């Protein structure tokens, strides 16, 4: 199956309203039309908009602490997922793949 990366972002413009629900549906219908996997790469709002459509998480655990970080994934974002695979990339750097239960 083909894989296509779509980078999604939200721009805040004065006087412009973005309907995230419609945009999400349009992107998901595009993936069906193209018959490919869709990778969601974005910020917290993007993940929130696609939460119900995500079947697999590919999570990179980076052993770093970022000072003054102000945005985090919800603590329970993997609640309906189970770990499928773990890949060690380097010392203390790993990728975990989770599938929806």
C-alpha atoms as a PDB file:
ATOM      1  CA  UNK A   1       0.000   0.000   0.000  1.00  0.00           C
ATOM      2  CA  UNK A   2       1.252   3.501  -0.784  1.00  0.00           C
ATOM      3  CA  UNK A   3       2.145   5.843   2.037  1.00  0.00           C
ATOM      4  CA  UNK A   4       1.735   9.585   1.789  1.00  0.00           C
ATOM      5  CA  UNK A   5       2.710  12.092   4.453  1.00  0.00           C
ATOM      6  CA  UNK A   6       0.376  15.050   4.916  1.00  0.00           C
ATOM      7  CA  UNK A   7       1.623  17.809   7.170  1.00  0.00           C
ATOM      8  CA  UNK A   8      -1.312  19.500   8.820  1.00  0.00           C
ATOM      9  CA  UNK A   9      -1.219  22.750  10.689  1.00  0.00           C
ATOM     10  CA  UNK A  10      -3.610  25.416  11.843  1.00  0.00           C
ATOM     11  CA  UNK A  11      -2.979  29.056  11.010  1.00  0.00           C
ATOM     12  CA  UNK A  12      -4.724  31.669  13.091  1.00  0.00           C
ATOM     13  CA  UNK A  13      -5.824  34.528  10.879  1.00  0.00           C
ATOM     14  CA  UNK A  14      -7.835  37.502  12.046  1.00  0.00           C
ATOM     15  CA  UNK A  15     -11.419  37.153  10.797  1.00  0.00           C
ATOM     16  CA  UNK A  16     -10.948  33.616   9.427  1.00  0.00           C
ATOM     17  CA  UNK A  17     -12.711  30.657  10.986  1.00  0.00           C
ATOM     18  CA  UNK A  18     -11.401  27.128  10.451  1.00  0.00           C
ATOM     19  CA  UNK A  19     -13.822  24.247  10.904  1.00  0.00           C
ATOM     20  CA  UNK A  20     -11.532  21.491  12.185  1.00  0.00           C
ATOM     21  CA  UNK A  21     -14.250  18.830  11.902  1.00  0.00           C
ATOM     22  CA  UNK A  22     -14.772  19.472   8.189  1.00  0.00           C
ATOM     23  CA  UNK A  23     -11.038  19.652   7.528  1.00  0.00           C
ATOM     24  CA  UNK A  24     -10.509  16.343   9.351  1.00  0.00           C
ATOM     25  CA  UNK A  25     -13.248  14.635   7.331  1.00  0.00           C
ATOM     26  CA  UNK A  26     -11.797  15.993   4.089  1.00  0.00           C
ATOM     27  CA  UNK A  27      -8.324  14.657   4.901  1.00  0.00           C
ATOM     28  CA  UNK A  28      -9.686  11.231   5.859  1.00  0.00           C
ATOM     29  CA  UNK A  29     -11.724  11.030   2.660  1.00  0.00           C
ATOM     30  CA  UNK A  30      -8.597  11.945   0.693  1.00  0.00           C
ATOM     31  CA  UNK A  31      -6.749   8.987   2.219  1.00  0.00           C
ATOM     32  CA  UNK A  32      -9.571   6.661   1.119  1.00  0.00           C
ATOM     33  CA  UNK A  33      -9.571   8.172  -2.372  1.00  0.00           C
ATOM     34  CA  UNK A  34      -5.803   7.731  -2.719  1.00  0.00           C
ATOM     35  CA  UNK A  35      -5.969   4.238  -1.154  1.00  0.00           C
ATOM     36  CA  UNK A  36      -3.020   4.846   1.152  1.00  0.00           C
ATOM     37  CA  UNK A  37      -1.993   5.047   4.789  1.00  0.00           C
ATOM     38  CA  UNK A  38      -2.301   8.479   6.351  1.00  0.00           C
ATOM     39  CA  UNK A  39       0.331   9.661   8.818  1.00  0.00           C
ATOM     40  CA  UNK A  40      -0.765  12.476  11.106  1.00  0.00           C
ATOM     41  CA  UNK A  41       2.127  14.711  12.121  1.00  0.00           C
ATOM     42  CA  UNK A  42       1.138  17.761  14.008  1.00  0.00           C
ATOM     43  CA  UNK A  43       0.595  19.526  17.239  1.00  0.00           C
ATOM     44  CA  UNK A  44      -1.777  18.840  20.092  1.00  0.00           C
ATOM     45  CA  UNK A  45      -4.833  20.242  18.285  1.00  0.00           C
ATOM     46  CA  UNK A  46      -4.143  18.150  15.171  1.00  0.00           C
ATOM     47  CA  UNK A  47      -3.854  14.963  17.239  1.00  0.00           C
ATOM     48  CA  UNK A  48      -7.044  15.878  19.089  1.00  0.00           C
ATOM     49  CA  UNK A  49      -8.915  16.332  15.787  1.00  0.00           C
ATOM     50  CA  UNK A  50      -7.791  12.927  14.475  1.00  0.00           C
ATOM     51  CA  UNK A  51      -7.966  10.955  17.759  1.00  0.00           C
ATOM     52  CA  UNK A  52     -10.945   8.829  16.711  1.00  0.00           C
ATOM     53  CA  UNK A  53      -9.359   7.935  13.355  1.00  0.00           C
ATOM     54  CA  UNK A  54      -5.925   6.874  14.619  1.00  0.00           C
ATOM     55  CA  UNK A  55      -5.456   3.088  14.454  1.00  0.00           C
ATOM     56  CA  UNK A  56      -1.738   3.011  15.205  1.00  0.00           C
ATOM     57  CA  UNK A  57       0.620   5.241  17.165  1.00  0.00           C
ATOM     58  CA  UNK A  58       4.328   5.354  16.342  1.00  0.00           C
ATOM     59  CA  UNK A  59       5.850   6.980  19.412  1.00  0.00           C
ATOM     60  CA  UNK A  60       9.496   7.997  19.606  1.00  0.00           C
ATOM     61  CA  UNK A  61      10.711   8.261  23.187  1.00  0.00           C
ATOM     62  CA  UNK A  62      13.483  10.834  23.323  1.00  0.00           C
ATOM     63  CA  UNK A  63      15.501  10.847  26.561  1.00  0.00           C
ATOM     64  CA  UNK A  64      15.615  14.623  26.857  1.00  0.00           C
ATOM     65  CA  UNK A  65      13.923  17.156  29.080  1.00  0.00           C
ATOM     66  CA  UNK A  66      12.795  20.390  27.472  1.00  0.00           C
ATOM     67  CA  UNK A  67      12.849  23.400  29.765  1.00  0.00           C
ATOM     68  CA  UNK A  68       9.669  25.477  29.769  1.00  0.00           C
ATOM     69  CA  UNK A  69       7.709  22.944  27.695  1.00  0.00           C
ATOM     70  CA  UNK A  70       4.057  23.979  27.672  1.00  0.00           C
ATOM     71  CA  UNK A  71       2.286  21.416  25.479  1.00  0.00           C
ATOM     72  CA  UNK A  72       1.970  17.707  26.219  1.00  0.00           C
ATOM     73  CA  UNK A  73      -0.033  14.754  24.978  1.00  0.00           C
ATOM     74  CA  UNK A  74      -2.921  13.852  27.301  1.00  0.00           C
ATOM     75  CA  UNK A  75      -1.824  11.277  29.886  1.00  0.00           C
ATOM     76  CA  UNK A  76      -4.425   8.772  28.637  1.00  0.00           C
ATOM     77  CA  UNK A  77      -3.836   9.080  24.861  1.00  0.00           C
ATOM     78  CA  UNK A  78      -2.779   5.399  24.681  1.00  0.00           C
ATOM     79  CA  UNK A  79      -5.678   4.177  26.824  1.00  0.00           C
ATOM     80  CA  UNK A  80      -7.354   2.254  23.968  1.00  0.00           C
ATOM     81  CA  UNK A  81      -4.090   0.940  22.507  1.00  0.00           C
ATOM     82  CA  UNK A  82      -1.722  -1.930  23.225  1.00  0.00           C
ATOM     83  CA  UNK A  83       1.973  -2.129  22.496  1.00  0.00           C
ATOM     84  CA  UNK A  84       2.821  -4.098  19.370  1.00  0.00           C
ATOM     85  CA  UNK A  85       6.547  -3.562  18.986  1.00  0.00           C
ATOM     86  CA  UNK A  86       9.531  -1.732  20.461  1.00  0.00           C
ATOM     87  CA  UNK A  87      12.599  -0.789  18.441  1.00  0.00           C
ATOM     88  CA  UNK A  88      15.835   0.367  20.063  1.00  0.00           C
ATOM     89  CA  UNK A  89      17.487   3.004  17.893  1.00  0.00           C
ATOM     90  CA  UNK A  90      20.315   4.080  20.175  1.00  0.00           C
ATOM     91  CA  UNK A  91      21.088   4.066  23.864  1.00  0.00           C
ATOM     92  CA  UNK A  92      17.893   5.259  25.605  1.00  0.00           C
ATOM     93  CA  UNK A  93      16.258   6.181  22.264  1.00  0.00           C
ATOM     94  CA  UNK A  94      13.405   3.922  21.224  1.00  0.00           C
ATOM     95  CA  UNK A  95      10.334   3.769  19.042  1.00  0.00           C
ATOM     96  CA  UNK A  96       7.194   2.057  20.298  1.00  0.00           C
ATOM     97  CA  UNK A  97       4.349   1.041  18.023  1.00  0.00           C
ATOM     98  CA  UNK A  98       0.873   0.778  19.513  1.00  0.00           C
ATOM     99  CA  UNK A  99      -2.270  -0.626  17.863  1.00  0.00           C
ATOM    100  CA  UNK A 100      -5.859   0.189  18.751  1.00  0.00           C
ATOM    101  CA  UNK A 101      -7.461  -2.535  20.876  1.00  0.00           C
END
